[in-house]
Amino acid sequence: MFQAESRLSLLDRLEAEAIHILREGVAEARNPVMLFSAGKDSTVLAHLALRAFYPSRPPFPLLHVDSTWEFQSVLAFRDAFARKHDFDLLVYANEAGRAAGLNPFDHGDVYTSTMRTDALKQALDRGGYDVVFGGARRDEEKSRAKERVFSVRNERHGWDPRHQRPELWQLFNTRLVKGQSLRVFPLSNWTEMDIWLYALARDIKLAPLYFAAPRPIVDRGSGLIVVDDPARMELRPGEAVTTRSVRFRTLGCWPVTAGIASSADSLSSVVHETLTAETSERQGRLADSVDAGSLERQKREGYF
C-alpha cells in the first residue's frame, strides 16, 4: 500500500483524496449542493466533481450566492462554465438587502452579514440541502485551519469548533440529527500553490481576473481596487482612476477586493510569481485586514 501511494505525485494524491470526499459526501447525502463562486478554488472543485462522477453528470447543482457586487467578468465566466459542463446553476441574492441599497462602501459588516451570510442561509433553507460542498482550504486563514473536512452545522447553520468530530485516518462521521447539516471541504488539505499547479496540469480555464491585464484602478492605500462598475464606484477625496496592469489572487466583492500589480498573464507565469510572493493570498480581502476575527465570527453565524 505504501509503495503504491509513494508512486503517486502530490497532485495525484490530493486529487484522489478530493474525489473520495466528494463520493463519500454524495453517498451519505439526501439533497447535496455545491457552492460555486467562479473563483479558482470552486472552479477546480467543480472540475474534480466532473472527474469523480464521470461519465454521469455530478448529482447536484451549483449554487452561487450573488452579493450584487460581483465582478461582471466573473458572472460571465460563471454562466459560461455551467453551460459548457452541463451543470444546473442556481443563483440566489438577498432581495431585501438589495432593495435596501446595502453596499460595501457604506455598510461594512452589515452588508457582508446580509448579502453573504444571511443570503447563504436563506438559499440553503430554501433548497433544503443537507450536504453542502465548498472550496475552502485550511491554509487560507486561521479560522479555516480549524475546520474539519466534514463540518457539522446546527439548525441555524452555525459553526462551533468545539463540537466538531474527530477525523482520524480519514474516517468521516456523517450522521446528522434533525436540523443539522454538513459543510464538506474536499480541498481542505490543498494550498494556494496546489490549486495553481493543478489548474496548470489539467489545463483548467480560470476566470480572466486571475491574469494580468491593464485595468482601471483606484489606489486605496492597502490595495488596488479595480473599478468594475464606474457608475457605482465611490471615490474618496484625492482619489483618481488610473490604468495599471493588475491581477487577483483571490476574488470577492469588487469594491473590497484588492488586486496586485503584476505582468503574469498566463498560468505558468502566475505559478512563478506566486512562488516568489511575500504576502498572503487573502491580503487582497480588505475586510480581513480591518478585523482579523471577522471571518471566524461570520462562520459562527453561518457563513461558509
Protein backbone atom coordinates (compact mmCIF):
# COMPACT_ATOMS: atom_id res chain seq x y z
CA MET A 1 0.00 0.00 0.00
CA PHE A 2 2.78 2.41 0.92
CA GLN A 3 4.69 1.63 -2.28
CA ALA A 4 1.64 2.25 -4.46
CA GLU A 5 0.95 5.59 -2.78
CA SER A 6 4.59 6.64 -2.98
CA ARG A 7 4.44 6.44 -6.77
CA LEU A 8 1.65 9.00 -6.88
CA SER A 9 2.56 12.64 -7.24
CA LEU A 10 1.34 15.14 -4.65
CA LEU A 11 -1.32 16.39 -7.06
CA ASP A 12 -2.45 12.83 -7.77
CA ARG A 13 -2.86 12.18 -4.05
CA LEU A 14 -4.74 15.43 -3.49
CA GLU A 15 -7.00 14.66 -6.45
CA ALA A 16 -7.72 11.14 -5.20
CA GLU A 17 -8.47 12.42 -1.70
CA ALA A 18 -10.85 15.10 -3.00
CA ILE A 19 -12.67 12.61 -5.24
CA HIS A 20 -13.04 10.22 -2.30
CA ILE A 21 -14.52 13.03 -0.18
CA LEU A 22 -16.93 14.06 -2.94
CA ARG A 23 -18.16 10.50 -3.40
CA GLU A 24 -18.44 9.91 0.35
CA GLY A 25 -20.46 13.10 0.78
CA VAL A 26 -22.84 12.26 -2.05
CA ALA A 27 -23.26 8.68 -0.80
CA GLU A 28 -24.44 9.97 2.57
CA ALA A 29 -26.47 12.95 1.30
CA ARG A 30 -30.19 13.24 0.86
CA ASN A 31 -30.02 16.52 -1.07
CA PRO A 32 -26.48 17.76 -1.86
CA VAL A 33 -25.38 21.03 -3.46
CA MET A 34 -22.04 22.59 -4.41
CA LEU A 35 -21.31 26.25 -3.80
CA PHE A 36 -19.78 27.94 -6.81
CA SER A 37 -18.35 31.44 -6.77
CA ALA A 38 -16.47 31.04 -10.09
CA GLY A 39 -13.23 31.67 -8.19
CA LYS A 40 -10.20 29.44 -8.72
CA ASP A 41 -10.96 27.10 -5.80
CA SER A 42 -14.60 26.49 -6.66
CA THR A 43 -13.67 26.07 -10.35
CA VAL A 44 -11.08 23.41 -9.51
CA LEU A 45 -13.58 21.76 -7.15
CA ALA A 46 -16.24 21.64 -9.87
CA HIS A 47 -13.73 20.05 -12.25
CA LEU A 48 -12.95 17.44 -9.59
CA ALA A 49 -16.67 16.72 -9.34
CA LEU A 50 -16.80 16.18 -13.10
CA ARG A 51 -13.98 13.63 -12.77
CA ALA A 52 -15.47 11.99 -9.65
CA PHE A 53 -18.79 11.12 -11.29
CA TYR A 54 -17.78 10.73 -14.95
CA PRO A 55 -19.39 9.71 -17.29
CA SER A 56 -22.50 10.81 -15.41
CA ARG A 57 -23.19 14.41 -14.50
CA PRO A 58 -22.38 15.34 -10.90
CA PRO A 59 -25.53 14.58 -8.87
CA PHE A 60 -26.01 18.09 -7.53
CA PRO A 61 -26.48 21.65 -8.81
CA LEU A 62 -24.09 24.57 -8.46
CA LEU A 63 -25.29 27.35 -6.14
CA HIS A 64 -23.96 30.88 -6.41
CA VAL A 65 -24.82 33.40 -3.71
CA ASP A 66 -24.75 36.72 -5.56
CA SER A 67 -23.80 39.63 -3.31
CA THR A 68 -24.95 42.01 -6.11
CA TRP A 69 -21.40 43.45 -6.14
CA GLU A 70 -19.70 40.67 -8.07
CA PHE A 71 -17.20 41.33 -10.87
CA GLN A 72 -19.08 41.36 -14.18
CA SER A 73 -16.48 39.14 -15.88
CA VAL A 74 -16.78 36.61 -13.02
CA LEU A 75 -20.53 36.37 -13.58
CA ALA A 76 -19.96 35.84 -17.31
CA PHE A 77 -17.39 33.13 -16.54
CA ARG A 78 -19.81 31.51 -14.07
CA ASP A 79 -22.59 31.26 -16.64
CA ALA A 80 -20.29 30.02 -19.42
CA PHE A 81 -18.79 27.38 -17.12
CA ALA A 82 -22.18 25.98 -16.14
CA ARG A 83 -23.32 25.85 -19.77
CA LYS A 84 -20.13 24.19 -21.01
CA HIS A 85 -20.16 21.46 -18.38
CA ASP A 86 -23.94 20.97 -18.24
CA PHE A 87 -24.34 21.93 -14.59
CA ASP A 88 -27.65 23.14 -13.22
CA LEU A 89 -26.82 26.63 -11.92
CA LEU A 90 -28.85 28.21 -9.12
CA VAL A 91 -28.31 31.89 -8.30
CA TYR A 92 -29.63 33.46 -5.11
CA ALA A 93 -29.48 37.03 -3.83
CA ASN A 94 -30.94 38.61 -0.71
CA GLU A 95 -33.56 40.78 -2.38
CA ALA A 96 -34.43 42.59 0.84
CA GLY A 97 -30.82 43.71 1.15
CA ARG A 98 -30.71 44.73 -2.50
CA ALA A 99 -33.91 46.76 -2.08
CA ALA A 100 -32.42 48.46 0.98
CA GLY A 101 -29.45 49.55 -1.09
CA LEU A 102 -26.84 47.81 1.08
CA ASN A 103 -23.36 48.21 -0.30
CA PRO A 104 -19.76 47.53 0.81
CA PHE A 105 -18.82 51.23 0.75
CA ASP A 106 -21.27 52.42 3.38
CA HIS A 107 -22.48 49.36 5.30
CA GLY A 108 -19.40 47.23 6.04
CA ASP A 109 -20.21 44.22 8.24
CA VAL A 110 -23.97 44.77 7.86
CA TYR A 111 -23.58 44.39 4.11
CA THR A 112 -21.46 41.24 4.47
CA SER A 113 -23.81 39.67 7.01
CA THR A 114 -26.91 40.45 4.97
CA MET A 115 -25.71 39.82 1.43
CA ARG A 116 -23.32 36.94 2.15
CA THR A 117 -24.15 35.14 5.40
CA ASP A 118 -27.92 35.67 5.54
CA ALA A 119 -28.27 35.11 1.80
CA LEU A 120 -26.40 31.81 2.03
CA LYS A 121 -28.56 30.59 4.90
CA GLN A 122 -31.73 31.63 3.07
CA ALA A 123 -30.62 29.79 -0.08
CA LEU A 124 -29.76 26.62 1.85
CA ASP A 125 -33.06 26.70 3.75
CA ARG A 126 -34.99 27.24 0.54
CA GLY A 127 -33.27 24.30 -1.14
CA GLY A 128 -33.36 22.04 1.91
CA TYR A 129 -29.76 20.94 1.37
CA ASP A 130 -28.17 18.62 3.92
CA VAL A 131 -24.65 18.29 2.42
CA VAL A 132 -23.05 21.44 1.05
CA PHE A 133 -19.72 21.17 -0.79
CA GLY A 134 -17.39 24.14 -0.85
CA GLY A 135 -13.88 25.04 -1.95
CA ALA A 136 -12.44 26.45 1.31
CA ARG A 137 -8.87 25.45 2.18
CA ARG A 138 -7.24 25.28 5.59
CA ASP A 139 -4.21 27.32 4.52
CA GLU A 140 -6.29 30.37 3.60
CA GLU A 141 -6.95 31.79 7.06
CA LYS A 142 -6.58 30.76 10.71
CA SER A 143 -10.28 30.14 11.37
CA ARG A 144 -10.44 27.86 8.33
CA ALA A 145 -7.47 25.94 9.69
CA LYS A 146 -9.79 24.78 12.49
CA GLU A 147 -12.29 23.22 10.08
CA ARG A 148 -12.95 19.54 9.73
CA VAL A 149 -13.38 18.13 6.23
CA PHE A 150 -16.98 17.28 7.18
CA SER A 151 -18.03 20.27 9.26
CA VAL A 152 -21.24 19.96 11.25
CA ARG A 153 -23.60 22.95 11.34
CA ASN A 154 -26.57 23.42 13.64
CA GLU A 155 -30.17 24.16 12.68
CA ARG A 156 -29.26 27.86 12.24
CA HIS A 157 -26.23 26.92 10.13
CA GLY A 158 -23.91 27.99 12.93
CA TRP A 159 -20.42 26.56 13.37
CA ASP A 160 -18.88 25.72 16.72
CA PRO A 161 -15.27 24.45 16.58
CA ARG A 162 -15.73 22.74 19.97
CA HIS A 163 -18.46 20.49 18.60
CA GLN A 164 -16.64 19.12 15.57
CA ARG A 165 -15.91 15.44 15.14
CA PRO A 166 -12.52 13.67 15.01
CA GLU A 167 -11.43 12.55 11.54
CA LEU A 168 -8.62 10.13 12.25
CA TRP A 169 -7.37 8.10 9.27
CA GLN A 170 -9.83 9.92 7.00
CA LEU A 171 -12.81 8.27 8.66
CA PHE A 172 -15.74 10.68 8.46
CA ASN A 173 -18.79 10.70 10.71
CA THR A 174 -21.66 11.92 8.54
CA ARG A 175 -24.55 11.24 10.91
CA LEU A 176 -26.92 14.14 11.35
CA VAL A 177 -29.76 14.81 13.74
CA LYS A 178 -32.81 16.78 12.69
CA GLY A 179 -31.88 20.32 11.72
CA GLN A 180 -28.15 19.68 11.30
CA SER A 181 -26.28 19.89 8.00
CA LEU A 182 -22.75 19.28 6.77
CA ARG A 183 -20.37 21.67 5.04
CA VAL A 184 -17.87 19.48 3.19
CA PHE A 185 -14.46 20.77 2.08
CA PRO A 186 -12.71 18.40 -0.37
CA LEU A 187 -9.87 20.91 -0.86
CA SER A 188 -9.09 21.18 2.87
CA ASN A 189 -5.53 19.93 2.51
CA TRP A 190 -4.69 21.84 -0.66
CA THR A 191 -2.62 25.03 -0.70
CA GLU A 192 -2.89 28.03 -3.00
CA MET A 193 0.08 26.69 -4.96
CA ASP A 194 -1.60 23.28 -5.31
CA ILE A 195 -4.61 24.97 -6.89
CA TRP A 196 -2.50 26.84 -9.44
CA LEU A 197 -0.41 23.77 -10.26
CA TYR A 198 -3.46 21.53 -10.62
CA ALA A 199 -5.12 24.03 -12.96
CA LEU A 200 -1.91 24.13 -14.98
CA ALA A 201 -1.55 20.34 -15.07
CA ARG A 202 -5.20 19.73 -16.01
CA ASP A 203 -5.44 22.73 -18.38
CA ILE A 204 -8.34 24.19 -16.41
CA LYS A 205 -9.61 27.55 -17.60
CA LEU A 206 -9.95 30.09 -14.79
CA ALA A 207 -11.70 33.45 -14.56
CA PRO A 208 -9.79 36.14 -16.52
CA LEU A 209 -9.26 38.37 -13.47
CA TYR A 210 -6.61 35.93 -12.23
CA PHE A 211 -4.37 37.01 -15.10
CA ALA A 212 -2.68 40.38 -15.51
CA ALA A 213 -4.16 42.92 -17.88
CA PRO A 214 -4.48 46.73 -17.99
CA ARG A 215 -7.45 47.62 -15.81
CA PRO A 216 -8.93 50.83 -14.34
CA ILE A 217 -7.88 51.03 -10.70
CA VAL A 218 -8.04 53.23 -7.64
CA ASP A 219 -5.01 53.09 -5.34
CA ARG A 220 -6.67 52.82 -1.92
CA GLY A 221 -3.69 52.65 0.41
CA SER A 222 -3.75 48.97 1.28
CA GLY A 223 -4.69 47.76 -2.18
CA LEU A 224 -5.51 48.39 -5.82
CA ILE A 225 -9.29 48.44 -6.34
CA VAL A 226 -10.42 47.64 -9.88
CA VAL A 227 -13.31 49.88 -10.88
CA ASP A 228 -15.66 47.24 -12.23
CA ASP A 229 -18.72 49.50 -12.45
CA PRO A 230 -17.85 53.21 -12.76
CA ALA A 231 -21.47 54.24 -12.13
CA ARG A 232 -21.35 52.64 -8.65
CA MET A 233 -17.78 53.49 -7.66
CA GLU A 234 -17.49 55.87 -4.71
CA LEU A 235 -14.24 57.83 -4.81
CA ARG A 236 -12.72 59.32 -1.69
CA PRO A 237 -11.24 62.82 -1.64
CA GLY A 238 -7.98 62.89 -3.59
CA GLU A 239 -8.58 59.58 -5.36
CA ALA A 240 -8.45 59.22 -9.13
CA VAL A 241 -8.95 56.35 -11.55
CA THR A 242 -5.81 55.29 -13.40
CA THR A 243 -4.85 52.29 -15.53
CA ARG A 244 -2.38 49.63 -14.35
CA SER A 245 -1.58 46.03 -15.14
CA VAL A 246 -3.06 44.05 -12.26
CA ARG A 247 -4.39 40.61 -11.44
CA PHE A 248 -6.04 38.92 -8.45
CA ARG A 249 -5.03 36.07 -6.16
CA THR A 250 -8.47 35.96 -4.52
CA LEU A 251 -11.86 37.22 -5.69
CA GLY A 252 -14.76 38.69 -3.73
CA CYS A 253 -16.95 41.77 -3.96
CA TRP A 254 -15.10 44.16 -6.26
CA PRO A 255 -15.09 47.29 -4.05
CA VAL A 256 -13.35 45.44 -1.18
CA THR A 257 -11.08 43.00 -3.03
CA ALA A 258 -7.68 44.35 -3.95
CA GLY A 259 -5.65 43.33 -6.97
CA ILE A 260 -1.87 43.21 -7.18
CA ALA A 261 0.43 44.88 -9.67
CA SER A 262 1.53 42.12 -11.99
CA SER A 263 2.59 41.17 -15.50
CA ALA A 264 1.71 37.47 -15.06
CA ASP A 265 -0.75 36.83 -17.88
CA SER A 266 -0.60 33.01 -18.07
CA LEU A 267 -0.93 30.15 -15.61
CA SER A 268 2.76 29.33 -15.80
CA SER A 269 3.76 32.92 -15.04
CA VAL A 270 1.21 33.08 -12.20
CA VAL A 271 2.79 29.95 -10.69
CA HIS A 272 6.22 31.53 -10.88
CA GLU A 273 5.01 34.80 -9.37
CA THR A 274 3.19 33.01 -6.53
CA LEU A 275 6.33 31.05 -5.65
CA THR A 276 8.18 34.31 -5.01
CA ALA A 277 5.32 36.19 -3.32
CA GLU A 278 6.00 37.66 0.13
CA THR A 279 2.36 38.41 1.00
CA SER A 280 -0.53 36.11 1.83
CA GLU A 281 -3.28 35.21 -0.61
CA ARG A 282 -6.03 36.82 1.46
CA GLN A 283 -4.23 40.13 1.82
CA GLY A 284 -6.43 41.21 -1.03
CA ARG A 285 -9.53 40.75 1.16
CA LEU A 286 -9.61 44.20 2.75
CA ALA A 287 -12.19 43.19 5.38
CA ASP A 288 -9.77 40.61 6.77
CA SER A 289 -7.14 43.26 7.46
CA VAL A 290 -9.66 45.52 9.19
CA ASP A 291 -10.88 42.86 11.61
CA ALA A 292 -8.73 39.77 11.98
CA GLY A 293 -11.56 37.89 13.72
CA SER A 294 -14.31 38.80 11.27
CA LEU A 295 -14.22 35.57 9.27
CA GLU A 296 -14.46 33.37 12.35
CA ARG A 297 -17.38 35.44 13.65
CA GLN A 298 -19.12 35.14 10.28
CA LYS A 299 -18.54 31.38 10.24
CA ARG A 300 -20.08 31.02 13.68
CA GLU A 301 -23.11 32.88 12.32
CA GLY A 302 -23.42 30.59 9.32
CA TYR A 303 -21.01 31.92 6.67
CA PHE A 304 -19.16 29.33 4.68
